[in-house]
Amino acid sequence: MSTVLDTVSRIALLRQVEQELQYVWDCGNPDCEGQPGCRTRQGFIVPVRHARRAQIPPEGDWRSVVFCTGRGWGKSRSAAEYVKNRMLGEPEHRVGIIAPDFGIAKNLCMEGESGLLACMPKNRVKSYNKTTGVLTLTNGSMTQLFGATTQMDAEKVRGFQFHTMWYEELATMRYGEVAWDIAQFSLRLGQDPRIVVTTTPRATPLMKRILKREPGVQVVRGRTIDNEQNLATATVEYLRARYEGTTLGRQELEGELLEMMPGALWDLDVLDRDRQAIPAKFDRVVVAVDPAGSHRDDSDETGIIVVGQVRDHYWVIADYSGTYTPDQWSRQAIMAYREHGADRVVAEGNYGGDMVEATLRAADRNVSYRRVTATRGKVLRAEPIVALYERHLVHHPDPGLPGLEEQMCTWIPPGQFEFDGATEMQVPIPPSPWSPDRIDALVWGLTELSQVKKRYSHG
């Protein structure tokens, strides 16, 4: 009887191995580049395509691994496989997955062709909630999904605890700084907390900070062409012909982290170069406000920036921007006005100038207020302020102002062009689809202090 049971057990085990071989990612063969037919360490033949050596995170005592590669390299699959192994290898493992929005987290990281569900052996899945995107395994391991569409979304990580975090397209998150910083406090379970980042390289302040300054970071770089065997030939040929040699091609195909975002008005290296401590006394201090046009949770932020002047130099002192109701932003502005000893609040009045003034005076009827009205485009208004930075006359504190600096180095205004080496023509750079509220407030404040005479009107 025991022999029969042993035979049944062996058959069941072999069937399980056969099933799970369909999900092998790392065969352990250092000479393998992902082709089917090679053997695992245990001698089993892998019947499917699997990882190239570059897709396996490096060994060692790192905290974060950043797959900073071109499109189609296989970075999302690499992260999903790494997360899968962590979940299968440790019961009750908790994983947080953060993407630019919840839909991307769910449709790409969980349900996509390279997502976690596609990698996970079906017999290890206990349940999956299609609405919330929560995956639960038979060993109790679970995932939790987050988006970063708004600052409020990015802050929802607060209060959770995880063993592993996965950031998908971190460089494209508008509130990536918030999502990154808050989640560090949530990564506190187990003895080996890890972060895996998958992103197309973009020279945002956050990415530069992570790659150059954060401790315990391992970077994996790669080009789209590295995964050519898994991509449609026609697609690869088109992308090469259209984008090879352009800045977009260097970023999206070659996986190169460019020193400056093409089309952006500022660069983090410029801001870093001129950082100085905030002086004890100023000749003038101004609080500049760019009110949002609406006041829903998903509306644009109200930009509130404090700037100061000593002779012909200027300091960006503080950033109080956020998603506020009119009552909330007016209180924030007045608080900044009092705390920093400002002599004036300047606020853009395009969206109801009288209402803006009434809102401020309801918070403090004695506030010194000047209304400014935009009659020229954002780029034209910003040009003289960009020139002040180029002349080393504007200083940011160290540490910096992440929210403001992220906007300054990533906002692409309309009407920007780059040279296309393939066609030898100037081609437009797609503008950013969001409003640069913090930049607008910065420009109004520095314009007030520097008294740059451009064609805008004061009310």
Protein backbone atom coordinates (compact mmCIF):
# COMPACT_ATOMS: atom_id res chain seq x y z
CA MET A 1 0.00 0.00 0.00
CA SER A 2 2.82 2.35 0.87
CA THR A 3 4.45 1.68 -2.50
CA VAL A 4 1.25 2.72 -4.27
CA LEU A 5 1.08 5.91 -2.19
CA ASP A 6 4.73 6.69 -2.89
CA THR A 7 4.14 6.22 -6.62
CA VAL A 8 1.09 8.46 -6.52
CA SER A 9 3.06 11.05 -4.61
CA ARG A 10 5.91 10.93 -7.12
CA ILE A 11 3.52 11.30 -10.04
CA ALA A 12 1.82 14.25 -8.33
CA LEU A 13 5.22 15.83 -7.68
CA LEU A 14 6.33 15.35 -11.28
CA ARG A 15 3.09 16.86 -12.55
CA GLN A 16 3.59 19.87 -10.26
CA VAL A 17 7.18 20.27 -11.48
CA GLU A 18 6.03 19.97 -15.10
CA GLN A 19 3.39 22.63 -14.50
CA GLU A 20 5.76 25.00 -12.73
CA LEU A 21 8.47 24.61 -15.36
CA GLN A 22 6.16 26.68 -17.57
CA TYR A 23 6.81 29.55 -15.12
CA VAL A 24 10.58 29.23 -14.70
CA TRP A 25 12.26 32.61 -15.12
CA ASP A 26 15.80 32.14 -13.82
CA CYS A 27 17.19 28.83 -15.03
CA GLY A 28 20.45 29.45 -13.17
CA ASN A 29 22.56 28.85 -16.26
CA PRO A 30 25.04 31.77 -16.55
CA ASP A 31 25.44 31.20 -20.29
CA CYS A 32 21.72 31.14 -21.07
CA GLU A 33 20.07 34.12 -22.75
CA GLY A 34 16.48 33.07 -22.31
CA GLN A 35 16.04 30.49 -25.04
CA PRO A 36 13.84 27.42 -24.37
CA GLY A 37 15.48 24.05 -23.96
CA CYS A 38 18.23 24.74 -21.44
CA ARG A 39 18.36 22.98 -18.07
CA THR A 40 17.73 24.30 -14.58
CA ARG A 41 20.14 23.70 -11.71
CA GLN A 42 18.08 20.61 -10.86
CA GLY A 43 18.46 19.23 -14.38
CA PHE A 44 14.91 19.91 -15.61
CA ILE A 45 14.56 21.18 -19.18
CA VAL A 46 12.89 24.61 -19.40
CA PRO A 47 10.30 24.49 -22.21
CA VAL A 48 9.69 28.26 -22.54
CA ARG A 49 11.57 31.51 -23.11
CA HIS A 50 12.90 32.91 -19.85
CA ALA A 51 15.27 35.51 -18.46
CA ARG A 52 18.34 36.89 -20.09
CA ARG A 53 21.14 37.23 -17.54
CA ALA A 54 20.73 41.02 -17.48
CA GLN A 55 17.11 40.63 -16.34
CA ILE A 56 18.08 38.96 -13.05
CA PRO A 57 18.67 41.51 -10.27
CA PRO A 58 22.27 41.52 -9.07
CA GLU A 59 23.27 39.61 -5.97
CA GLY A 60 24.42 41.44 -2.89
CA ASP A 61 23.19 43.63 -0.09
CA TRP A 62 21.32 46.29 -2.04
CA ARG A 63 18.13 48.09 -0.97
CA SER A 64 16.90 49.23 -4.37
CA VAL A 65 17.39 47.89 -7.88
CA VAL A 66 16.50 50.27 -10.72
CA PHE A 67 15.78 48.82 -14.16
CA CYS A 68 16.46 52.03 -16.13
CA THR A 69 16.14 50.76 -19.70
CA GLY A 70 14.67 51.42 -23.12
CA ARG A 71 11.11 50.55 -24.12
CA GLY A 72 10.45 46.87 -24.68
CA TRP A 73 13.62 45.71 -22.88
CA GLY A 74 11.59 43.54 -20.49
CA LYS A 75 11.88 45.56 -17.29
CA SER A 76 8.26 45.10 -16.17
CA ARG A 77 8.55 41.32 -16.60
CA SER A 78 11.82 41.38 -14.65
CA ALA A 79 10.13 43.19 -11.75
CA ALA A 80 7.08 40.93 -11.81
CA GLU A 81 9.28 37.84 -11.66
CA TYR A 82 11.35 39.25 -8.82
CA VAL A 83 8.20 40.11 -6.87
CA LYS A 84 6.76 36.64 -7.61
CA ASN A 85 9.83 34.91 -6.19
CA ARG A 86 9.70 37.04 -3.06
CA MET A 87 6.03 36.24 -2.55
CA LEU A 88 6.44 32.51 -3.13
CA GLY A 89 9.58 32.26 -1.04
CA GLU A 90 8.23 33.84 2.14
CA PRO A 91 4.75 33.18 3.59
CA GLU A 92 2.70 36.27 4.48
CA HIS A 93 4.93 38.44 2.26
CA ARG A 94 3.47 41.92 1.67
CA VAL A 95 4.07 43.79 -1.60
CA GLY A 96 3.16 47.37 -2.51
CA ILE A 97 2.91 48.21 -6.22
CA ILE A 98 2.86 51.90 -7.21
CA ALA A 99 2.30 53.19 -10.74
CA PRO A 100 1.49 56.59 -12.31
CA ASP A 101 -2.19 55.74 -11.84
CA PHE A 102 -4.20 52.86 -10.40
CA GLY A 103 -5.23 51.64 -13.86
CA ILE A 104 -1.60 51.13 -14.87
CA ALA A 105 -0.86 49.30 -11.63
CA LYS A 106 -3.80 46.97 -12.23
CA ASN A 107 -3.76 46.54 -16.01
CA LEU A 108 0.00 46.39 -16.52
CA CYS A 109 1.66 45.28 -13.29
CA MET A 110 -1.03 42.74 -12.34
CA GLU A 111 -3.02 41.73 -15.42
CA GLY A 112 -0.69 42.61 -18.31
CA GLU A 113 1.17 40.16 -20.52
CA SER A 114 4.27 40.75 -18.39
CA GLY A 115 2.34 41.24 -15.15
CA LEU A 116 2.33 39.32 -11.92
CA LEU A 117 -0.64 37.10 -12.79
CA ALA A 118 0.99 35.98 -16.05
CA CYS A 119 4.12 34.94 -14.13
CA MET A 120 2.46 33.27 -11.15
CA PRO A 121 1.77 29.50 -11.15
CA LYS A 122 -2.01 29.15 -11.11
CA ASN A 123 -1.96 26.59 -8.31
CA ARG A 124 -0.33 29.17 -6.01
CA VAL A 125 -3.12 31.75 -6.44
CA LYS A 126 -5.75 31.69 -3.72
CA SER A 127 -7.76 34.69 -4.92
CA TYR A 128 -7.59 37.79 -7.07
CA ASN A 129 -9.95 40.74 -6.73
CA LYS A 130 -10.34 42.37 -10.17
CA THR A 131 -11.76 45.55 -8.65
CA THR A 132 -9.08 46.26 -6.06
CA GLY A 133 -6.23 44.37 -7.76
CA VAL A 134 -5.42 42.52 -4.53
CA LEU A 135 -3.71 39.19 -5.21
CA THR A 136 -3.58 36.61 -2.41
CA LEU A 137 -1.47 33.47 -2.61
CA THR A 138 -2.02 30.13 -0.90
CA ASN A 139 0.86 30.90 1.48
CA GLY A 140 -0.79 34.15 2.61
CA SER A 141 1.35 36.56 0.59
CA MET A 142 -0.56 39.60 -0.74
CA THR A 143 -0.23 42.66 -2.98
CA GLN A 144 -1.65 46.16 -2.57
CA LEU A 145 -1.92 48.54 -5.53
CA PHE A 146 -1.56 52.32 -5.56
CA GLY A 147 -1.70 55.11 -8.13
CA ALA A 148 -0.01 58.51 -8.01
CA THR A 149 -2.39 60.61 -10.12
CA THR A 150 -2.80 63.19 -7.35
CA GLN A 151 -0.85 64.01 -4.23
CA MET A 152 -3.68 62.48 -2.22
CA ASP A 153 -3.35 59.23 -4.19
CA ALA A 154 0.41 59.12 -3.66
CA GLU A 155 -0.03 59.61 0.08
CA LYS A 156 -2.36 56.60 0.40
CA VAL A 157 0.71 54.41 0.96
CA ARG A 158 0.92 56.03 4.38
CA GLY A 159 0.03 53.54 7.15
CA PHE A 160 0.69 50.36 5.13
CA GLN A 161 3.60 48.01 5.84
CA PHE A 162 5.50 46.03 3.21
CA HIS A 163 8.43 43.70 2.65
CA THR A 164 8.79 44.71 -1.02
CA MET A 165 7.88 47.77 -3.10
CA TRP A 166 7.59 47.89 -6.90
CA TYR A 167 7.56 51.30 -8.61
CA GLU A 168 6.41 51.13 -12.24
CA GLU A 169 7.50 54.07 -14.46
CA LEU A 170 8.65 56.11 -11.49
CA ALA A 171 10.21 58.78 -13.71
CA THR A 172 6.82 59.63 -15.27
CA MET A 173 4.90 60.00 -11.98
CA ARG A 174 3.84 63.58 -11.40
CA TYR A 175 3.89 62.90 -7.65
CA GLY A 176 6.78 60.48 -7.72
CA GLU A 177 8.65 62.39 -4.98
CA VAL A 178 5.69 62.00 -2.64
CA ALA A 179 5.18 58.32 -3.49
CA TRP A 180 8.88 57.56 -3.04
CA ASP A 181 9.43 59.41 0.22
CA ILE A 182 6.27 58.27 2.01
CA ALA A 183 6.69 54.65 0.96
CA GLN A 184 10.16 54.49 2.53
CA PHE A 185 8.46 54.55 5.92
CA SER A 186 6.15 51.69 4.86
CA LEU A 187 9.04 49.42 3.86
CA ARG A 188 9.57 48.06 7.35
CA LEU A 189 8.60 44.37 7.39
CA GLY A 190 11.08 41.51 7.62
CA GLN A 191 14.87 41.56 7.75
CA ASP A 192 15.46 42.20 4.04
CA PRO A 193 13.20 44.99 2.71
CA ARG A 194 13.73 45.63 -1.00
CA ILE A 195 12.59 48.06 -3.71
CA VAL A 196 12.43 47.31 -7.43
CA VAL A 197 12.00 50.24 -9.84
CA THR A 198 11.11 49.88 -13.52
CA THR A 199 11.27 53.04 -15.57
CA THR A 200 12.19 54.53 -18.87
CA PRO A 201 15.03 56.94 -18.01
CA ARG A 202 14.01 60.55 -17.65
CA ALA A 203 16.24 63.18 -16.07
CA THR A 204 13.84 64.17 -13.32
CA PRO A 205 15.22 65.46 -10.00
CA LEU A 206 13.88 62.32 -8.29
CA MET A 207 15.64 59.95 -10.69
CA LYS A 208 18.89 61.89 -10.45
CA ARG A 209 18.65 61.81 -6.68
CA ILE A 210 18.00 58.07 -6.58
CA LEU A 211 20.69 57.15 -9.08
CA LYS A 212 23.38 59.50 -7.77
CA ARG A 213 22.70 60.02 -4.07
CA GLU A 214 20.50 57.31 -2.55
CA PRO A 215 22.47 54.62 -0.65
CA GLY A 216 22.21 50.94 -1.57
CA VAL A 217 21.09 51.42 -5.19
CA GLN A 218 21.96 49.00 -8.00
CA VAL A 219 21.23 50.17 -11.55
CA VAL A 220 20.46 47.87 -14.48
CA ARG A 221 20.68 49.55 -17.89
CA GLY A 222 19.69 48.21 -21.27
CA ARG A 223 18.55 49.02 -24.79
CA THR A 224 15.37 48.11 -26.63
CA ILE A 225 17.45 46.11 -29.10
CA ASP A 226 18.64 43.79 -26.29
CA ASN A 227 15.19 42.17 -26.43
CA GLU A 228 14.92 42.14 -30.23
CA GLN A 229 14.13 38.40 -30.35
CA ASN A 230 10.86 39.05 -28.50
CA LEU A 231 9.81 42.14 -30.47
CA ALA A 232 8.19 42.46 -33.88
CA THR A 233 10.88 43.04 -36.51
CA ALA A 234 8.82 45.68 -38.30
CA THR A 235 8.36 47.60 -35.06
CA VAL A 236 12.06 47.58 -34.25
CA GLU A 237 12.96 48.72 -37.76
CA TYR A 238 10.43 51.55 -37.66
CA LEU A 239 11.58 52.81 -34.26
CA ARG A 240 15.19 52.75 -35.37
CA ALA A 241 14.48 54.60 -38.60
CA ARG A 242 12.26 57.20 -36.92
CA TYR A 243 13.99 57.88 -33.61
CA GLU A 244 17.60 56.69 -33.78
CA GLY A 245 19.90 59.64 -33.08
CA THR A 246 17.19 61.87 -31.56
CA THR A 247 17.07 62.75 -27.88
CA LEU A 248 13.79 60.86 -27.63
CA GLY A 249 15.45 57.82 -29.19
CA ARG A 250 18.42 58.05 -26.84
CA GLN A 251 16.01 58.08 -23.92
CA GLU A 252 13.31 55.65 -25.04
CA LEU A 253 15.36 53.18 -27.14
CA GLU A 254 18.90 53.38 -25.80
CA GLY A 255 17.87 53.73 -22.16
CA GLU A 256 20.14 56.73 -21.71
CA LEU A 257 19.56 59.08 -18.80
CA LEU A 258 19.90 62.47 -20.45
CA GLU A 259 21.34 65.27 -18.39
CA MET A 260 18.32 67.48 -19.09
CA MET A 261 14.73 66.82 -20.06
CA PRO A 262 14.38 67.87 -23.73
CA GLY A 263 12.24 71.01 -23.81
CA ALA A 264 12.36 71.74 -20.05
CA LEU A 265 13.23 75.29 -19.00
CA TRP A 266 15.45 74.32 -16.04
CA ASP A 267 17.91 71.59 -15.16
CA LEU A 268 18.63 70.14 -11.71
CA ASP A 269 22.37 70.59 -12.17
CA VAL A 270 21.80 74.33 -12.59
CA LEU A 271 19.75 74.45 -9.39
CA ASP A 272 22.34 72.37 -7.52
CA ARG A 273 25.18 74.62 -8.70
CA ASP A 274 23.72 77.75 -7.10
CA ARG A 275 22.25 76.38 -3.86
CA GLN A 276 22.94 78.60 -0.83
CA ALA A 277 21.77 78.75 2.75
CA ILE A 278 18.82 81.05 3.39
CA PRO A 279 20.01 84.41 4.78
CA ALA A 280 18.92 85.56 8.23
CA LYS A 281 17.57 88.87 6.86
CA PHE A 282 16.06 89.92 3.54
CA ASP A 283 15.49 93.28 1.90
CA ARG A 284 12.09 92.02 0.72
CA VAL A 285 10.01 88.84 1.03
CA VAL A 286 7.00 88.03 -1.16
CA VAL A 287 4.44 85.23 -1.05
CA ALA A 288 3.26 84.38 -4.57
CA VAL A 289 0.02 82.50 -5.21
CA ASP A 290 -1.30 80.83 -8.37
CA PRO A 291 -4.87 79.76 -7.44
CA ALA A 292 -6.29 76.61 -9.01
CA GLY A 293 -9.18 77.01 -11.43
CA SER A 294 -11.26 74.37 -9.58
CA HIS A 295 -11.21 72.78 -6.16
CA ARG A 296 -11.91 69.06 -6.53
CA ASP A 297 -9.59 66.41 -5.09
CA ASP A 298 -8.20 65.78 -8.60
CA SER A 299 -7.90 69.47 -9.57
CA ASP A 300 -4.67 71.33 -10.20
CA GLU A 301 -2.75 72.48 -7.17
CA THR A 302 -2.63 76.03 -5.89
CA GLY A 303 0.96 77.20 -6.15
CA ILE A 304 2.19 79.04 -3.04
CA ILE A 305 5.87 79.99 -3.17
CA VAL A 306 7.83 82.26 -0.81
CA VAL A 307 10.75 84.20 -2.32
CA GLY A 308 13.18 86.70 -0.82
CA GLN A 309 15.66 89.30 -2.04
CA VAL A 310 19.04 90.53 -0.77
CA ARG A 311 20.37 93.28 -3.09
CA ASP A 312 20.47 91.70 -6.58
CA HIS A 313 20.24 88.06 -5.46
CA TYR A 314 17.07 86.06 -4.83
CA TRP A 315 16.25 83.03 -2.70
CA VAL A 316 13.37 80.58 -3.07
CA ILE A 317 12.57 80.16 0.61
CA ALA A 318 9.62 77.78 0.87
CA ASP A 319 6.93 75.91 -1.06
CA TYR A 320 3.46 75.60 0.51
CA SER A 321 1.66 74.45 -2.65
CA GLY A 322 -1.07 71.82 -2.53
CA THR A 323 -4.63 70.89 -3.45
CA TYR A 324 -6.75 73.31 -1.42
CA THR A 325 -10.17 74.88 -1.23
CA PRO A 326 -10.14 78.71 -1.47
CA ASP A 327 -10.39 78.97 2.31
CA GLN A 328 -7.51 76.53 2.78
CA TRP A 329 -5.11 78.15 0.32
CA SER A 330 -5.82 81.64 1.66
CA ARG A 331 -4.99 80.44 5.19
CA GLN A 332 -1.79 78.79 3.92
CA ALA A 333 -0.79 81.98 2.11
CA ILE A 334 -1.45 84.19 5.15
CA MET A 335 0.41 81.75 7.41
CA ALA A 336 3.42 81.93 5.07
CA TYR A 337 3.06 85.74 4.92
CA ARG A 338 3.27 86.02 8.69
CA GLU A 339 5.83 83.28 9.32
CA HIS A 340 8.36 84.69 6.85
CA GLY A 341 7.71 88.36 7.55
CA ALA A 342 6.61 89.02 3.97
CA ASP A 343 5.76 92.52 2.82
CA ARG A 344 3.32 91.47 0.10
CA VAL A 345 1.18 88.67 -1.32
CA VAL A 346 0.98 88.62 -5.11
CA ALA A 347 -1.69 86.41 -6.65
CA GLU A 348 -2.77 85.71 -10.19
CA GLY A 349 -6.29 86.97 -10.73
CA ASN A 350 -7.24 85.43 -14.08
CA TYR A 351 -9.78 83.14 -12.37
CA GLY A 352 -11.87 85.72 -10.54
CA GLY A 353 -9.53 88.47 -9.37
CA ASP A 354 -12.04 90.02 -6.95
CA MET A 355 -12.73 86.62 -5.44
CA VAL A 356 -9.01 86.00 -4.90
CA GLU A 357 -8.59 89.30 -3.07
CA ALA A 358 -11.77 88.78 -1.04
CA THR A 359 -10.60 85.29 -0.04
CA LEU A 360 -7.24 86.60 1.15
CA ARG A 361 -8.73 89.54 3.03
CA ALA A 362 -11.19 87.23 4.74
CA ALA A 363 -8.16 85.49 6.25
CA ASP A 364 -6.33 88.78 7.04
CA ARG A 365 -7.97 92.08 6.12
CA ASN A 366 -4.68 93.98 6.60
CA VAL A 367 -2.62 91.89 4.19
CA SER A 368 -0.63 93.84 1.60
CA TYR A 369 -1.90 92.41 -1.68
CA ARG A 370 -1.22 92.91 -5.37
CA ARG A 371 -3.15 91.21 -8.12
CA VAL A 372 -1.30 90.18 -11.26
CA THR A 373 -3.00 89.24 -14.50
CA ALA A 374 -1.43 87.08 -17.17
CA THR A 375 -1.66 88.63 -20.62
CA ARG A 376 1.24 86.69 -22.17
CA GLY A 377 2.02 82.99 -22.41
CA LYS A 378 3.73 81.09 -19.62
CA VAL A 379 6.99 80.71 -21.54
CA LEU A 380 7.27 84.43 -22.27
CA ARG A 381 6.57 85.24 -18.62
CA ALA A 382 9.15 82.71 -17.48
CA GLU A 383 11.96 83.74 -19.87
CA PRO A 384 13.34 86.67 -17.79
CA ILE A 385 13.22 84.48 -14.67
CA VAL A 386 15.09 81.69 -16.45
CA ALA A 387 17.67 84.34 -17.36
CA LEU A 388 18.09 85.22 -13.66
CA TYR A 389 18.90 81.56 -12.96
CA GLU A 390 21.36 81.46 -15.84
CA ARG A 391 23.15 84.49 -14.36
CA HIS A 392 23.49 82.64 -10.98
CA LEU A 393 21.25 85.18 -9.22
CA VAL A 394 18.59 82.77 -7.87
CA HIS A 395 19.37 80.31 -5.09
CA HIS A 396 17.51 77.31 -3.72
CA PRO A 397 18.19 75.90 -0.25
CA ASP A 398 19.87 72.55 0.41
CA PRO A 399 18.07 70.20 0.86
CA GLY A 400 15.91 71.38 -1.98
CA LEU A 401 12.20 71.94 -2.60
CA PRO A 402 11.24 68.63 -4.27
CA GLY A 403 7.75 69.50 -5.49
CA LEU A 404 8.78 72.79 -7.08
CA GLU A 405 12.06 71.51 -8.50
CA GLU A 406 10.37 68.45 -9.98
CA GLN A 407 8.00 70.75 -11.89
CA MET A 408 10.78 73.07 -13.00
CA CYS A 409 12.88 70.26 -14.47
CA THR A 410 10.08 68.22 -16.06
CA TRP A 411 7.42 70.66 -17.34
CA ILE A 412 7.58 70.87 -21.14
CA PRO A 413 5.86 74.03 -22.40
CA PRO A 414 4.12 74.15 -25.79
CA GLY A 415 6.15 75.19 -28.79
CA GLN A 416 9.38 73.32 -27.96
CA PHE A 417 11.31 71.55 -30.74
CA GLU A 418 14.29 69.22 -31.13
CA PHE A 419 16.47 68.24 -34.06
CA ASP A 420 15.58 64.90 -35.69
CA GLY A 421 18.77 63.38 -37.07
CA ALA A 422 16.86 60.98 -39.34
CA THR A 423 14.92 63.68 -41.20
CA GLU A 424 17.31 66.56 -40.45
CA MET A 425 14.32 68.64 -39.43
CA GLN A 426 13.08 70.29 -36.25
CA VAL A 427 10.27 68.21 -34.74
CA PRO A 428 7.89 69.28 -31.94
CA ILE A 429 8.33 67.90 -28.43
CA PRO A 430 4.98 66.89 -26.89
CA PRO A 431 4.09 69.42 -24.16
CA SER A 432 3.24 68.39 -20.62
CA PRO A 433 -0.51 67.79 -20.14
CA TRP A 434 -0.59 69.35 -16.67
CA SER A 435 -0.52 72.88 -15.30
CA PRO A 436 2.77 74.17 -13.81
CA ASP A 437 1.11 75.84 -10.84
CA ARG A 438 4.25 75.98 -8.68
CA ILE A 439 6.28 77.40 -11.56
CA ASP A 440 3.62 80.05 -12.18
CA ALA A 441 3.77 81.13 -8.54
CA LEU A 442 7.59 81.17 -8.63
CA VAL A 443 7.59 83.35 -11.75
CA TRP A 444 5.10 85.82 -10.26
CA GLY A 445 7.12 86.09 -7.04
CA LEU A 446 10.51 86.58 -8.67
CA THR A 447 9.01 89.00 -11.19
CA GLU A 448 7.64 91.08 -8.32
CA LEU A 449 11.03 91.17 -6.60
CA SER A 450 13.18 91.71 -9.67
CA GLN A 451 10.68 94.15 -11.19
CA VAL A 452 11.33 92.74 -14.65
CA LYS A 453 9.23 94.91 -16.94
CA LYS A 454 7.36 92.63 -19.28
CA ARG A 455 3.94 93.15 -20.78
CA TYR A 456 1.74 91.95 -18.01
CA SER A 457 -0.65 94.15 -16.06
CA HIS A 458 -1.03 94.72 -12.33
CA GLY A 459 -4.50 95.07 -10.88
